[in-house]
Amino acid sequence: MMKDDKIDISGKYLLKAVLLLSGIWVILFYGSALVLPLLVAAIIATLLNRPTEKLKKWGFPDWLAMTVSLILTGIVLLLLFWLVSSQIGNMADEWSTIKEKATEKYGFFSEWAKRTIQIDPARFVDNNIDLTDRLKSISKIFIASFTDLLTQSFIILIYTILFLMQKRMFMRFFKKLVKNDNAGSKILSGSSRIIGNYMFGKGIIMVFLFIVYYLGFTFGQVPFALFLALFAALFSIIPYVGNLIGGGVAIILAYLYSGGTPALIVIAVICVAQLLENYILTPWIIGDKVDLNPFITIFGVILLSVLWGMVGAIIALPVLGVLKVLFQHTDGMEPYTYLLKKHEK
C-alpha cells in the first residue's frame, strides 16, 4: 500500500491529544468552582458592554455607565425572581388539591393499565415512599442549589465589574497572546457579536413565547396560566431540551389539575409557539449568527450540563459559538471549524 493512502497520525500525537483532552476535562469538572464563575462573568460582561458603551455615547462617565447597566440588570433579575417565587407560593397554597387530583388520576391510569395492557404500575413504584417526602427531598436539593448560586453570584458580580473596568487590558493581552492584531481583533469582535446577538435575541424570543403561552393558557382557562407560561418560556433558553422540559411540566400539571381538555390546549399552544419560534422568531431575530451543527449543539448542551448543571446548558451555545470563531481564525483548526458549522442539505 502506498504511503499516500495512509493517515499520517503518530502514536505520540494521539497520546498528546488524549492527555490534552483528559486535562481539559479534569480542569472543567473539578475546577468548576473556579472556571464557571469566570466564564459566566465574561459572558455577562460581554452582554453589559453594549448598553455600557451606549450610555457612554450619551455622555455618561465610564463608572456611571457601568453602574447603571449593572443596576438595571439587577432590577430585571430581582423582578423575575419575585414573579417566579410568588407564583410558586400560589401553587403551594393549592398543593393539597393538586395532590388529591394527582392521586385520583393515578388510580384511573393504574386501573386502565391493568385492564388494557395487563401491567400494574404499582410494581414500578415504591409505595413505602410518600409523594410528599419525595418532594421535600427535591426541595432540599433546590434550596442547596439556590444557596450555592447566591454564593457564586457575588463572585460573578465582582468578576463582571473587573472585566468591565479592565476590558481594554484583557483585549490587549489577548492580541499579544495570539501575536496577530488582525486575527485577534476578528476573534474578539466575532465572539462579542455571537454572545450579544444570541443572548439578547434569546431574551426577546423568551418574552414573545411568554406572551403567546400566557394568552393561550388564559384563553383556554388552564390553571396556573401565569406560572406555566413563565416556566415554559424561561426553560426555552436551553436549546431543544428546554422546550421539552418546560412544555412537559406545563402539560402534566394542566392534566393533573384540570383534566384532558386543558392539557390538550397546552399542547396546542406549545406547538403553535414552537412553530413561531423555529420558523419566524429565531430566523428573524437571531438569524444565522451562531450557525452551529445541530448534532454539536445537542452534544455541547448535554456535555456542559453534565459538567456544570443547568447553567452549563444555558451557556453551551455561546461557548460553542466562541470556539467556532476561534477555530475559524486559527491555522490547522479547519476540520474543527467544519465540524462545528451547520451545513445545508
C-alpha atoms as a PDB file:
ATOM      1  CA  MET A   1       0.000   0.000   0.000  1.00  0.00           C
ATOM      2  CA  MET A   2       1.324   3.433  -0.878  1.00  0.00           C
ATOM      3  CA  LYS A   3       2.265   5.876   1.807  1.00  0.00           C
ATOM      4  CA  ASP A   4      -0.243   8.448   0.482  1.00  0.00           C
ATOM      5  CA  ASP A   5      -3.072   6.016   1.277  1.00  0.00           C
ATOM      6  CA  LYS A   6      -2.280   6.158   4.998  1.00  0.00           C
ATOM      7  CA  ILE A   7      -3.303   8.741   7.574  1.00  0.00           C
ATOM      8  CA  ASP A   8      -0.262  10.452   8.995  1.00  0.00           C
ATOM      9  CA  ILE A   9      -1.020  10.269  12.739  1.00  0.00           C
ATOM     10  CA  SER A  10       1.736   9.073  15.039  1.00  0.00           C
ATOM     11  CA  GLY A  11       1.243   7.338  18.376  1.00  0.00           C
ATOM     12  CA  LYS A  12       2.942  10.255  20.100  1.00  0.00           C
ATOM     13  CA  TYR A  13       0.388  12.677  18.579  1.00  0.00           C
ATOM     14  CA  LEU A  14      -2.533  10.533  19.735  1.00  0.00           C
ATOM     15  CA  LEU A  15      -1.072  10.293  23.226  1.00  0.00           C
ATOM     16  CA  LYS A  16      -0.718  14.077  23.417  1.00  0.00           C
ATOM     17  CA  ALA A  17      -4.307  14.532  22.193  1.00  0.00           C
ATOM     18  CA  VAL A  18      -5.655  12.082  24.786  1.00  0.00           C
ATOM     19  CA  LEU A  19      -3.658  13.736  27.568  1.00  0.00           C
ATOM     20  CA  LEU A  20      -4.786  17.206  26.480  1.00  0.00           C
ATOM     21  CA  LEU A  21      -8.477  16.238  26.365  1.00  0.00           C
ATOM     22  CA  SER A  22      -8.182  14.454  29.710  1.00  0.00           C
ATOM     23  CA  GLY A  23      -6.524  17.502  31.242  1.00  0.00           C
ATOM     24  CA  ILE A  24      -9.256  19.825  29.918  1.00  0.00           C
ATOM     25  CA  TRP A  25     -11.967  17.514  31.289  1.00  0.00           C
ATOM     26  CA  VAL A  26     -10.327  17.369  34.734  1.00  0.00           C
ATOM     27  CA  ILE A  27      -9.976  21.171  34.850  1.00  0.00           C
ATOM     28  CA  LEU A  28     -13.562  21.801  33.746  1.00  0.00           C
ATOM     29  CA  PHE A  29     -15.059  19.155  36.056  1.00  0.00           C
ATOM     30  CA  TYR A  30     -13.012  19.501  39.245  1.00  0.00           C
ATOM     31  CA  GLY A  31     -12.227  23.174  38.733  1.00  0.00           C
ATOM     32  CA  SER A  32     -15.819  24.188  38.050  1.00  0.00           C
ATOM     33  CA  ALA A  33     -15.936  26.351  41.201  1.00  0.00           C
ATOM     34  CA  LEU A  34     -13.164  28.463  39.664  1.00  0.00           C
ATOM     35  CA  VAL A  35     -13.830  28.188  35.919  1.00  0.00           C
ATOM     36  CA  LEU A  36     -17.638  28.522  35.819  1.00  0.00           C
ATOM     37  CA  PRO A  37     -17.931  31.900  37.640  1.00  0.00           C
ATOM     38  CA  LEU A  38     -15.192  33.325  35.405  1.00  0.00           C
ATOM     39  CA  LEU A  39     -16.900  32.083  32.252  1.00  0.00           C
ATOM     40  CA  VAL A  40     -20.359  33.313  33.296  1.00  0.00           C
ATOM     41  CA  ALA A  41     -18.904  36.679  34.330  1.00  0.00           C
ATOM     42  CA  ALA A  42     -17.153  37.020  30.959  1.00  0.00           C
ATOM     43  CA  ILE A  43     -20.450  36.362  29.139  1.00  0.00           C
ATOM     44  CA  ILE A  44     -22.366  38.823  31.349  1.00  0.00           C
ATOM     45  CA  ALA A  45     -19.655  41.463  30.921  1.00  0.00           C
ATOM     46  CA  THR A  46     -19.849  40.993  27.144  1.00  0.00           C
ATOM     47  CA  LEU A  47     -23.626  41.475  27.268  1.00  0.00           C
ATOM     48  CA  LEU A  48     -23.377  44.545  29.508  1.00  0.00           C
ATOM     49  CA  ASN A  49     -20.699  46.078  27.316  1.00  0.00           C
ATOM     50  CA  ARG A  50     -23.317  47.013  24.694  1.00  0.00           C
ATOM     51  CA  PRO A  51     -25.567  49.140  26.976  1.00  0.00           C
ATOM     52  CA  THR A  52     -22.490  50.480  28.784  1.00  0.00           C
ATOM     53  CA  GLU A  53     -20.980  51.762  25.527  1.00  0.00           C
ATOM     54  CA  LYS A  54     -24.370  53.186  24.559  1.00  0.00           C
ATOM     55  CA  LEU A  55     -24.554  55.149  27.818  1.00  0.00           C
ATOM     56  CA  LYS A  56     -21.011  56.426  27.267  1.00  0.00           C
ATOM     57  CA  LYS A  57     -22.057  57.791  23.873  1.00  0.00           C
ATOM     58  CA  TRP A  58     -24.859  59.665  25.649  1.00  0.00           C
ATOM     59  CA  GLY A  59     -22.262  61.435  27.798  1.00  0.00           C
ATOM     60  CA  PHE A  60     -22.187  59.201  30.888  1.00  0.00           C
ATOM     61  CA  PRO A  61     -18.762  58.816  32.515  1.00  0.00           C
ATOM     62  CA  ASP A  62     -17.297  55.282  32.488  1.00  0.00           C
ATOM     63  CA  TRP A  63     -18.072  54.465  36.127  1.00  0.00           C
ATOM     64  CA  LEU A  64     -21.660  55.754  35.915  1.00  0.00           C
ATOM     65  CA  ALA A  65     -22.421  53.926  32.648  1.00  0.00           C
ATOM     66  CA  MET A  66     -21.166  50.662  34.145  1.00  0.00           C
ATOM     67  CA  THR A  67     -23.093  51.220  37.389  1.00  0.00           C
ATOM     68  CA  VAL A  68     -26.368  51.997  35.599  1.00  0.00           C
ATOM     69  CA  SER A  69     -26.008  48.869  33.432  1.00  0.00           C
ATOM     70  CA  LEU A  70     -25.394  46.677  36.490  1.00  0.00           C
ATOM     71  CA  ILE A  71     -28.293  48.216  38.450  1.00  0.00           C
ATOM     72  CA  LEU A  72     -30.774  47.801  35.582  1.00  0.00           C
ATOM     73  CA  THR A  73     -29.698  44.171  35.154  1.00  0.00           C
ATOM     74  CA  GLY A  74     -30.100  43.569  38.886  1.00  0.00           C
ATOM     75  CA  ILE A  75     -33.590  45.098  38.867  1.00  0.00           C
ATOM     76  CA  VAL A  76     -34.698  42.865  35.983  1.00  0.00           C
ATOM     77  CA  LEU A  77     -33.356  39.736  37.708  1.00  0.00           C
ATOM     78  CA  LEU A  78     -34.972  40.661  41.046  1.00  0.00           C
ATOM     79  CA  LEU A  79     -38.343  41.287  39.388  1.00  0.00           C
ATOM     80  CA  LEU A  80     -38.098  37.950  37.619  1.00  0.00           C
ATOM     81  CA  PHE A  81     -37.187  36.172  40.853  1.00  0.00           C
ATOM     82  CA  TRP A  82     -40.080  37.846  42.685  1.00  0.00           C
ATOM     83  CA  LEU A  83     -42.536  36.848  39.956  1.00  0.00           C
ATOM     84  CA  VAL A  84     -41.401  33.203  39.937  1.00  0.00           C
ATOM     85  CA  SER A  85     -41.360  32.897  43.750  1.00  0.00           C
ATOM     86  CA  SER A  86     -44.820  34.457  44.078  1.00  0.00           C
ATOM     87  CA  GLN A  87     -46.257  32.009  41.548  1.00  0.00           C
ATOM     88  CA  ILE A  88     -44.629  29.077  43.340  1.00  0.00           C
ATOM     89  CA  GLY A  89     -46.238  30.361  46.543  1.00  0.00           C
ATOM     90  CA  ASN A  90     -49.645  30.382  44.859  1.00  0.00           C
ATOM     91  CA  MET A  91     -49.125  26.784  43.752  1.00  0.00           C
ATOM     92  CA  ALA A  92     -48.051  25.772  47.256  1.00  0.00           C
ATOM     93  CA  ASP A  93     -51.396  27.017  48.561  1.00  0.00           C
ATOM     94  CA  GLU A  94     -53.126  24.621  46.153  1.00  0.00           C
ATOM     95  CA  TRP A  95     -50.798  21.688  46.853  1.00  0.00           C
ATOM     96  CA  SER A  96     -53.375  19.609  48.755  1.00  0.00           C
ATOM     97  CA  THR A  97     -55.808  19.899  45.826  1.00  0.00           C
ATOM     98  CA  ILE A  98     -53.086  19.033  43.286  1.00  0.00           C
ATOM     99  CA  LYS A  99     -52.032  16.003  45.343  1.00  0.00           C
ATOM    100  CA  GLU A 100     -55.618  14.789  45.678  1.00  0.00           C
ATOM    101  CA  LYS A 101     -56.326  15.097  41.951  1.00  0.00           C
ATOM    102  CA  ALA A 102     -52.969  13.522  41.034  1.00  0.00           C
ATOM    103  CA  THR A 103     -53.760  10.533  43.265  1.00  0.00           C
ATOM    104  CA  GLU A 104     -57.190  10.218  41.679  1.00  0.00           C
ATOM    105  CA  LYS A 105     -55.804  10.287  38.122  1.00  0.00           C
ATOM    106  CA  TYR A 106     -53.055   7.846  39.055  1.00  0.00           C
ATOM    107  CA  GLY A 107     -55.773   5.452  40.238  1.00  0.00           C
ATOM    108  CA  PHE A 108     -57.622   5.807  36.924  1.00  0.00           C
ATOM    109  CA  PHE A 109     -54.393   5.242  34.978  1.00  0.00           C
ATOM    110  CA  SER A 110     -53.487   2.212  37.102  1.00  0.00           C
ATOM    111  CA  GLU A 111     -56.879   0.585  36.529  1.00  0.00           C
ATOM    112  CA  TRP A 112     -56.678   1.299  32.784  1.00  0.00           C
ATOM    113  CA  ALA A 113     -53.178  -0.220  32.576  1.00  0.00           C
ATOM    114  CA  LYS A 114     -54.271  -3.370  34.429  1.00  0.00           C
ATOM    115  CA  ARG A 115     -57.367  -3.799  32.280  1.00  0.00           C
ATOM    116  CA  THR A 116     -55.942  -2.869  28.876  1.00  0.00           C
ATOM    117  CA  ILE A 117     -52.270  -3.878  28.793  1.00  0.00           C
ATOM    118  CA  GLN A 118     -52.156  -6.165  31.865  1.00  0.00           C
ATOM    119  CA  ILE A 119     -49.475  -4.100  33.594  1.00  0.00           C
ATOM    120  CA  ASP A 120     -49.713  -2.948  37.190  1.00  0.00           C
ATOM    121  CA  PRO A 121     -47.894   0.421  37.573  1.00  0.00           C
ATOM    122  CA  ALA A 122     -47.669  -0.215  41.335  1.00  0.00           C
ATOM    123  CA  ARG A 123     -44.955  -2.799  40.613  1.00  0.00           C
ATOM    124  CA  PHE A 124     -42.670   0.027  39.462  1.00  0.00           C
ATOM    125  CA  VAL A 125     -43.444   2.380  42.357  1.00  0.00           C
ATOM    126  CA  ASP A 126     -42.196   2.124  45.931  1.00  0.00           C
ATOM    127  CA  ASN A 127     -45.405   2.560  47.933  1.00  0.00           C
ATOM    128  CA  ASN A 128     -43.443   2.988  51.167  1.00  0.00           C
ATOM    129  CA  ILE A 129     -42.194   6.381  49.992  1.00  0.00           C
ATOM    130  CA  ASP A 130     -44.787   9.130  50.237  1.00  0.00           C
ATOM    131  CA  LEU A 131     -45.006  11.644  47.401  1.00  0.00           C
ATOM    132  CA  THR A 132     -44.677  14.489  49.898  1.00  0.00           C
ATOM    133  CA  ASP A 133     -41.394  13.058  51.192  1.00  0.00           C
ATOM    134  CA  ARG A 134     -40.075  12.873  47.655  1.00  0.00           C
ATOM    135  CA  LEU A 135     -40.969  16.489  47.019  1.00  0.00           C
ATOM    136  CA  LYS A 136     -39.320  17.512  50.283  1.00  0.00           C
ATOM    137  CA  SER A 137     -36.114  15.808  49.163  1.00  0.00           C
ATOM    138  CA  ILE A 138     -36.281  17.580  45.805  1.00  0.00           C
ATOM    139  CA  SER A 139     -36.940  20.888  47.601  1.00  0.00           C
ATOM    140  CA  LYS A 140     -33.829  20.409  49.741  1.00  0.00           C
ATOM    141  CA  ILE A 141     -31.761  19.883  46.604  1.00  0.00           C
ATOM    142  CA  PHE A 142     -33.195  23.054  45.057  1.00  0.00           C
ATOM    143  CA  ILE A 143     -32.541  25.046  48.245  1.00  0.00           C
ATOM    144  CA  ALA A 144     -28.942  23.829  48.347  1.00  0.00           C
ATOM    145  CA  SER A 145     -28.500  24.708  44.660  1.00  0.00           C
ATOM    146  CA  PHE A 146     -30.043  28.147  45.229  1.00  0.00           C
ATOM    147  CA  THR A 147     -27.731  28.808  48.186  1.00  0.00           C
ATOM    148  CA  ASP A 148     -24.743  27.819  46.070  1.00  0.00           C
ATOM    149  CA  LEU A 149     -25.989  30.087  43.284  1.00  0.00           C
ATOM    150  CA  LEU A 150     -26.262  33.036  45.670  1.00  0.00           C
ATOM    151  CA  THR A 151     -22.721  32.406  46.883  1.00  0.00           C
ATOM    152  CA  GLN A 152     -21.388  32.285  43.335  1.00  0.00           C
ATOM    153  CA  SER A 153     -23.493  35.276  42.278  1.00  0.00           C
ATOM    154  CA  PHE A 154     -21.422  37.585  44.476  1.00  0.00           C
ATOM    155  CA  ILE A 155     -18.203  36.227  42.956  1.00  0.00           C
ATOM    156  CA  ILE A 156     -19.663  36.546  39.455  1.00  0.00           C
ATOM    157  CA  LEU A 157     -20.646  40.151  40.186  1.00  0.00           C
ATOM    158  CA  ILE A 158     -17.081  41.009  41.279  1.00  0.00           C
ATOM    159  CA  TYR A 159     -15.608  39.323  38.208  1.00  0.00           C
ATOM    160  CA  THR A 160     -18.102  41.105  35.934  1.00  0.00           C
ATOM    161  CA  ILE A 161     -17.192  44.512  37.358  1.00  0.00           C
ATOM    162  CA  LEU A 162     -13.481  43.789  36.967  1.00  0.00           C
ATOM    163  CA  PHE A 163     -13.967  42.593  33.376  1.00  0.00           C
ATOM    164  CA  LEU A 164     -15.856  45.788  32.529  1.00  0.00           C
ATOM    165  CA  MET A 165     -13.299  48.009  34.263  1.00  0.00           C
ATOM    166  CA  GLN A 166     -10.287  46.332  32.633  1.00  0.00           C
ATOM    167  CA  LYS A 167     -11.809  45.427  29.271  1.00  0.00           C
ATOM    168  CA  ARG A 168      -9.080  47.137  27.230  1.00  0.00           C
ATOM    169  CA  MET A 169      -6.319  45.465  29.218  1.00  0.00           C
ATOM    170  CA  PHE A 170      -7.773  41.997  28.587  1.00  0.00           C
ATOM    171  CA  MET A 171      -8.229  42.787  24.887  1.00  0.00           C
ATOM    172  CA  ARG A 172      -4.611  43.927  24.545  1.00  0.00           C
ATOM    173  CA  PHE A 173      -3.462  40.817  26.431  1.00  0.00           C
ATOM    174  CA  PHE A 174      -5.345  38.539  24.043  1.00  0.00           C
ATOM    175  CA  LYS A 175      -3.918  40.290  20.975  1.00  0.00           C
ATOM    176  CA  LYS A 176      -0.402  39.918  22.389  1.00  0.00           C
ATOM    177  CA  LEU A 177      -1.132  36.272  23.121  1.00  0.00           C
ATOM    178  CA  VAL A 178      -2.160  35.438  19.545  1.00  0.00           C
ATOM    179  CA  LYS A 179       0.647  37.656  18.123  1.00  0.00           C
ATOM    180  CA  ASN A 180      -1.625  38.815  15.326  1.00  0.00           C
ATOM    181  CA  ASP A 181      -3.576  42.042  15.848  1.00  0.00           C
ATOM    182  CA  ASN A 182      -5.841  41.492  12.839  1.00  0.00           C
ATOM    183  CA  ALA A 183      -6.800  37.909  13.792  1.00  0.00           C
ATOM    184  CA  GLY A 184      -7.117  38.879  17.462  1.00  0.00           C
ATOM    185  CA  SER A 185      -9.482  41.747  16.624  1.00  0.00           C
ATOM    186  CA  LYS A 186     -11.627  39.475  14.440  1.00  0.00           C
ATOM    187  CA  ILE A 187     -11.828  36.809  17.160  1.00  0.00           C
ATOM    188  CA  LEU A 188     -12.776  39.334  19.850  1.00  0.00           C
ATOM    189  CA  SER A 189     -15.351  41.173  17.720  1.00  0.00           C
ATOM    190  CA  GLY A 190     -16.804  37.925  16.360  1.00  0.00           C
ATOM    191  CA  SER A 191     -17.091  36.385  19.810  1.00  0.00           C
ATOM    192  CA  SER A 192     -18.708  39.514  21.237  1.00  0.00           C
ATOM    193  CA  ARG A 193     -21.171  39.643  18.342  1.00  0.00           C
ATOM    194  CA  ILE A 194     -22.168  35.989  18.737  1.00  0.00           C
ATOM    195  CA  ILE A 195     -22.662  36.246  22.524  1.00  0.00           C
ATOM    196  CA  GLY A 196     -24.577  39.517  22.270  1.00  0.00           C
ATOM    197  CA  ASN A 197     -26.786  38.591  19.330  1.00  0.00           C
ATOM    198  CA  TYR A 198     -27.613  35.161  20.706  1.00  0.00           C
ATOM    199  CA  MET A 199     -28.320  36.081  24.341  1.00  0.00           C
ATOM    200  CA  PHE A 200     -30.194  39.328  23.599  1.00  0.00           C
ATOM    201  CA  GLY A 201     -32.074  37.620  20.767  1.00  0.00           C
ATOM    202  CA  LYS A 202     -32.945  34.685  23.007  1.00  0.00           C
ATOM    203  CA  GLY A 203     -34.241  37.087  25.650  1.00  0.00           C
ATOM    204  CA  ILE A 204     -36.555  38.756  23.121  1.00  0.00           C
ATOM    205  CA  ILE A 205     -37.787  35.367  21.918  1.00  0.00           C
ATOM    206  CA  MET A 206     -38.495  34.290  25.516  1.00  0.00           C
ATOM    207  CA  VAL A 207     -40.655  37.400  26.015  1.00  0.00           C
ATOM    208  CA  PHE A 208     -42.595  36.615  22.811  1.00  0.00           C
ATOM    209  CA  LEU A 209     -43.053  32.996  23.905  1.00  0.00           C
ATOM    210  CA  PHE A 210     -44.254  34.063  27.347  1.00  0.00           C
ATOM    211  CA  ILE A 211     -46.893  36.311  25.777  1.00  0.00           C
ATOM    212  CA  VAL A 212     -48.075  33.550  23.423  1.00  0.00           C
ATOM    213  CA  TYR A 213     -48.141  30.975  26.227  1.00  0.00           C
ATOM    214  CA  TYR A 214     -49.930  33.237  28.683  1.00  0.00           C
ATOM    215  CA  LEU A 215     -52.600  34.377  26.202  1.00  0.00           C
ATOM    216  CA  GLY A 216     -53.185  30.805  25.008  1.00  0.00           C
ATOM    217  CA  PHE A 217     -53.328  29.322  28.508  1.00  0.00           C
ATOM    218  CA  THR A 218     -55.591  32.104  29.794  1.00  0.00           C
ATOM    219  CA  PHE A 219     -57.946  31.804  26.811  1.00  0.00           C
ATOM    220  CA  GLY A 220     -58.112  28.047  27.364  1.00  0.00           C
ATOM    221  CA  GLN A 221     -58.749  28.537  31.116  1.00  0.00           C
ATOM    222  CA  VAL A 222     -55.671  26.492  32.001  1.00  0.00           C
ATOM    223  CA  PRO A 223     -54.875  26.577  35.755  1.00  0.00           C
ATOM    224  CA  PHE A 224     -51.785  28.480  36.906  1.00  0.00           C
ATOM    225  CA  ALA A 225     -51.563  30.079  33.452  1.00  0.00           C
ATOM    226  CA  LEU A 226     -49.043  32.714  34.533  1.00  0.00           C
ATOM    227  CA  PHE A 227     -46.690  30.230  36.208  1.00  0.00           C
ATOM    228  CA  LEU A 228     -46.877  27.687  33.383  1.00  0.00           C
ATOM    229  CA  ALA A 229     -46.270  30.375  30.748  1.00  0.00           C
ATOM    230  CA  LEU A 230     -43.328  31.774  32.695  1.00  0.00           C
ATOM    231  CA  PHE A 231     -41.863  28.329  33.385  1.00  0.00           C
ATOM    232  CA  ALA A 232     -42.096  27.187  29.752  1.00  0.00           C
ATOM    233  CA  ALA A 233     -40.699  30.476  28.422  1.00  0.00           C
ATOM    234  CA  LEU A 234     -37.726  30.504  30.824  1.00  0.00           C
ATOM    235  CA  PHE A 235     -36.754  26.921  30.031  1.00  0.00           C
ATOM    236  CA  SER A 236     -36.754  27.697  26.306  1.00  0.00           C
ATOM    237  CA  ILE A 237     -33.326  29.295  26.823  1.00  0.00           C
ATOM    238  CA  ILE A 238     -31.903  25.745  26.841  1.00  0.00           C
ATOM    239  CA  PRO A 239     -31.744  24.634  23.189  1.00  0.00           C
ATOM    240  CA  TYR A 240     -34.001  21.715  22.198  1.00  0.00           C
ATOM    241  CA  VAL A 241     -34.164  20.173  25.694  1.00  0.00           C
ATOM    242  CA  GLY A 242     -35.600  23.246  27.422  1.00  0.00           C
ATOM    243  CA  ASN A 243     -38.793  23.281  25.375  1.00  0.00           C
ATOM    244  CA  LEU A 244     -39.380  19.609  26.207  1.00  0.00           C
ATOM    245  CA  ILE A 245     -38.871  20.210  29.936  1.00  0.00           C
ATOM    246  CA  GLY A 246     -40.913  23.417  30.169  1.00  0.00           C
ATOM    247  CA  GLY A 247     -43.706  22.180  27.914  1.00  0.00           C
ATOM    248  CA  GLY A 248     -43.784  18.743  29.537  1.00  0.00           C
ATOM    249  CA  VAL A 249     -44.227  20.159  33.050  1.00  0.00           C
ATOM    250  CA  ALA A 250     -46.970  22.505  31.805  1.00  0.00           C
ATOM    251  CA  ILE A 251     -48.846  19.621  30.135  1.00  0.00           C
ATOM    252  CA  ILE A 252     -48.566  17.322  33.171  1.00  0.00           C
ATOM    253  CA  LEU A 253     -49.653  19.971  35.667  1.00  0.00           C
ATOM    254  CA  ALA A 254     -52.593  21.061  33.495  1.00  0.00           C
ATOM    255  CA  TYR A 255     -53.722  17.434  33.152  1.00  0.00           C
ATOM    256  CA  LEU A 256     -53.368  16.621  36.852  1.00  0.00           C
ATOM    257  CA  TYR A 257     -55.237  19.722  37.994  1.00  0.00           C
ATOM    258  CA  SER A 258     -57.967  20.094  35.366  1.00  0.00           C
ATOM    259  CA  GLY A 259     -58.044  17.046  33.096  1.00  0.00           C
ATOM    260  CA  GLY A 260     -57.544  16.221  29.442  1.00  0.00           C
ATOM    261  CA  THR A 261     -59.044  19.297  27.739  1.00  0.00           C
ATOM    262  CA  PRO A 262     -56.707  21.887  29.379  1.00  0.00           C
ATOM    263  CA  ALA A 263     -53.772  19.546  28.722  1.00  0.00           C
ATOM    264  CA  LEU A 264     -54.700  19.407  25.025  1.00  0.00           C
ATOM    265  CA  ILE A 265     -54.970  23.200  24.954  1.00  0.00           C
ATOM    266  CA  VAL A 266     -51.464  23.443  26.453  1.00  0.00           C
ATOM    267  CA  ILE A 267     -50.135  21.032  23.809  1.00  0.00           C
ATOM    268  CA  ALA A 268     -51.756  23.065  21.009  1.00  0.00           C
ATOM    269  CA  VAL A 269     -50.412  26.383  22.346  1.00  0.00           C
ATOM    270  CA  ILE A 270     -46.906  24.960  22.771  1.00  0.00           C
ATOM    271  CA  CYS A 271     -46.945  23.543  19.216  1.00  0.00           C
ATOM    272  CA  VAL A 272     -48.019  26.912  17.790  1.00  0.00           C
ATOM    273  CA  ALA A 273     -45.363  28.690  19.857  1.00  0.00           C
ATOM    274  CA  GLN A 274     -42.659  26.290  18.653  1.00  0.00           C
ATOM    275  CA  LEU A 275     -43.642  26.854  15.028  1.00  0.00           C
ATOM    276  CA  LEU A 276     -43.420  30.603  15.583  1.00  0.00           C
ATOM    277  CA  GLU A 277     -40.062  30.271  17.324  1.00  0.00           C
ATOM    278  CA  ASN A 278     -38.415  27.899  14.854  1.00  0.00           C
ATOM    279  CA  TYR A 279     -39.661  29.375  11.578  1.00  0.00           C
ATOM    280  CA  ILE A 280     -40.254  33.079  12.315  1.00  0.00           C
ATOM    281  CA  LEU A 281     -38.747  34.381  15.565  1.00  0.00           C
ATOM    282  CA  THR A 282     -35.355  32.635  15.566  1.00  0.00           C
ATOM    283  CA  PRO A 283     -34.538  33.257  11.858  1.00  0.00           C
ATOM    284  CA  TRP A 284     -35.724  36.867  12.143  1.00  0.00           C
ATOM    285  CA  ILE A 285     -34.162  37.848  15.489  1.00  0.00           C
ATOM    286  CA  ILE A 286     -31.098  35.615  15.803  1.00  0.00           C
ATOM    287  CA  GLY A 287     -30.650  34.502  12.191  1.00  0.00           C
ATOM    288  CA  ASP A 288     -27.521  32.513  11.385  1.00  0.00           C
ATOM    289  CA  LYS A 289     -25.222  34.360  13.775  1.00  0.00           C
ATOM    290  CA  VAL A 290     -24.418  31.216  15.771  1.00  0.00           C
ATOM    291  CA  ASP A 291     -24.679  28.832  12.782  1.00  0.00           C
ATOM    292  CA  LEU A 292     -23.842  25.619  14.667  1.00  0.00           C
ATOM    293  CA  ASN A 293     -24.269  21.998  13.665  1.00  0.00           C
ATOM    294  CA  PRO A 294     -27.413  20.631  15.424  1.00  0.00           C
ATOM    295  CA  PHE A 295     -25.562  17.469  16.495  1.00  0.00           C
ATOM    296  CA  ILE A 296     -22.735  19.518  18.055  1.00  0.00           C
ATOM    297  CA  THR A 297     -25.329  21.794  19.662  1.00  0.00           C
ATOM    298  CA  ILE A 298     -27.130  18.919  21.390  1.00  0.00           C
ATOM    299  CA  PHE A 299     -23.855  17.241  22.349  1.00  0.00           C
ATOM    300  CA  GLY A 300     -22.496  20.527  23.743  1.00  0.00           C
ATOM    301  CA  VAL A 301     -25.655  21.160  25.788  1.00  0.00           C
ATOM    302  CA  ILE A 302     -25.507  17.650  27.270  1.00  0.00           C
ATOM    303  CA  LEU A 303     -21.758  17.846  27.924  1.00  0.00           C
ATOM    304  CA  LEU A 304     -21.851  21.221  29.693  1.00  0.00           C
ATOM    305  CA  SER A 305     -25.000  20.280  31.625  1.00  0.00           C
ATOM    306  CA  VAL A 306     -23.159  17.181  32.911  1.00  0.00           C
ATOM    307  CA  LEU A 307     -20.205  19.369  33.879  1.00  0.00           C
ATOM    308  CA  TRP A 308     -21.997  22.445  35.253  1.00  0.00           C
ATOM    309  CA  GLY A 309     -25.707  21.661  35.552  1.00  0.00           C
ATOM    310  CA  MET A 310     -28.384  23.988  34.189  1.00  0.00           C
ATOM    311  CA  VAL A 311     -26.000  26.955  33.948  1.00  0.00           C
ATOM    312  CA  GLY A 312     -23.780  24.899  31.657  1.00  0.00           C
ATOM    313  CA  ALA A 313     -26.745  24.060  29.424  1.00  0.00           C
ATOM    314  CA  ILE A 314     -27.689  27.763  29.179  1.00  0.00           C
ATOM    315  CA  ILE A 315     -24.219  28.968  28.182  1.00  0.00           C
ATOM    316  CA  ALA A 316     -23.470  25.997  25.886  1.00  0.00           C
ATOM    317  CA  LEU A 317     -24.323  27.755  22.613  1.00  0.00           C
ATOM    318  CA  PRO A 318     -22.372  30.965  23.325  1.00  0.00           C
ATOM    319  CA  VAL A 319     -19.352  28.862  24.335  1.00  0.00           C
ATOM    320  CA  LEU A 320     -19.566  26.741  21.172  1.00  0.00           C
ATOM    321  CA  GLY A 321     -20.050  29.869  19.079  1.00  0.00           C
ATOM    322  CA  VAL A 322     -16.909  31.451  20.516  1.00  0.00           C
ATOM    323  CA  LEU A 323     -14.964  28.227  19.886  1.00  0.00           C
ATOM    324  CA  LYS A 324     -16.121  28.276  16.260  1.00  0.00           C
ATOM    325  CA  VAL A 325     -14.884  31.850  15.814  1.00  0.00           C
ATOM    326  CA  LEU A 326     -11.567  30.938  17.454  1.00  0.00           C
ATOM    327  CA  PHE A 327     -11.114  27.909  15.192  1.00  0.00           C
ATOM    328  CA  GLN A 328     -12.008  29.935  12.089  1.00  0.00           C
ATOM    329  CA  HIS A 329      -9.030  32.226  12.648  1.00  0.00           C
ATOM    330  CA  THR A 330      -6.531  29.586  13.792  1.00  0.00           C
ATOM    331  CA  ASP A 331      -4.284  27.714  11.371  1.00  0.00           C
ATOM    332  CA  GLY A 332      -4.680  23.947  11.485  1.00  0.00           C
ATOM    333  CA  MET A 333      -8.151  24.056  13.074  1.00  0.00           C
ATOM    334  CA  GLU A 334     -10.126  23.959   9.803  1.00  0.00           C
ATOM    335  CA  PRO A 335     -11.515  20.413  10.413  1.00  0.00           C
ATOM    336  CA  TYR A 336     -12.964  21.510  13.770  1.00  0.00           C
ATOM    337  CA  THR A 337     -14.497  24.605  12.181  1.00  0.00           C
ATOM    338  CA  TYR A 338     -16.110  22.356   9.574  1.00  0.00           C
ATOM    339  CA  LEU A 339     -17.441  20.058  12.317  1.00  0.00           C
ATOM    340  CA  LEU A 340     -18.967  22.934  14.296  1.00  0.00           C
ATOM    341  CA  LYS A 341     -20.621  24.710  11.363  1.00  0.00           C
ATOM    342  CA  LYS A 342     -24.146  23.983  10.188  1.00  0.00           C
ATOM    343  CA  HIS A 343     -24.225  22.541   6.661  1.00  0.00           C
ATOM    344  CA  GLU A 344     -27.014  22.913   4.148  1.00  0.00           C
ATOM    345  CA  LYS A 345     -28.523  19.737   2.736  1.00  0.00           C
END
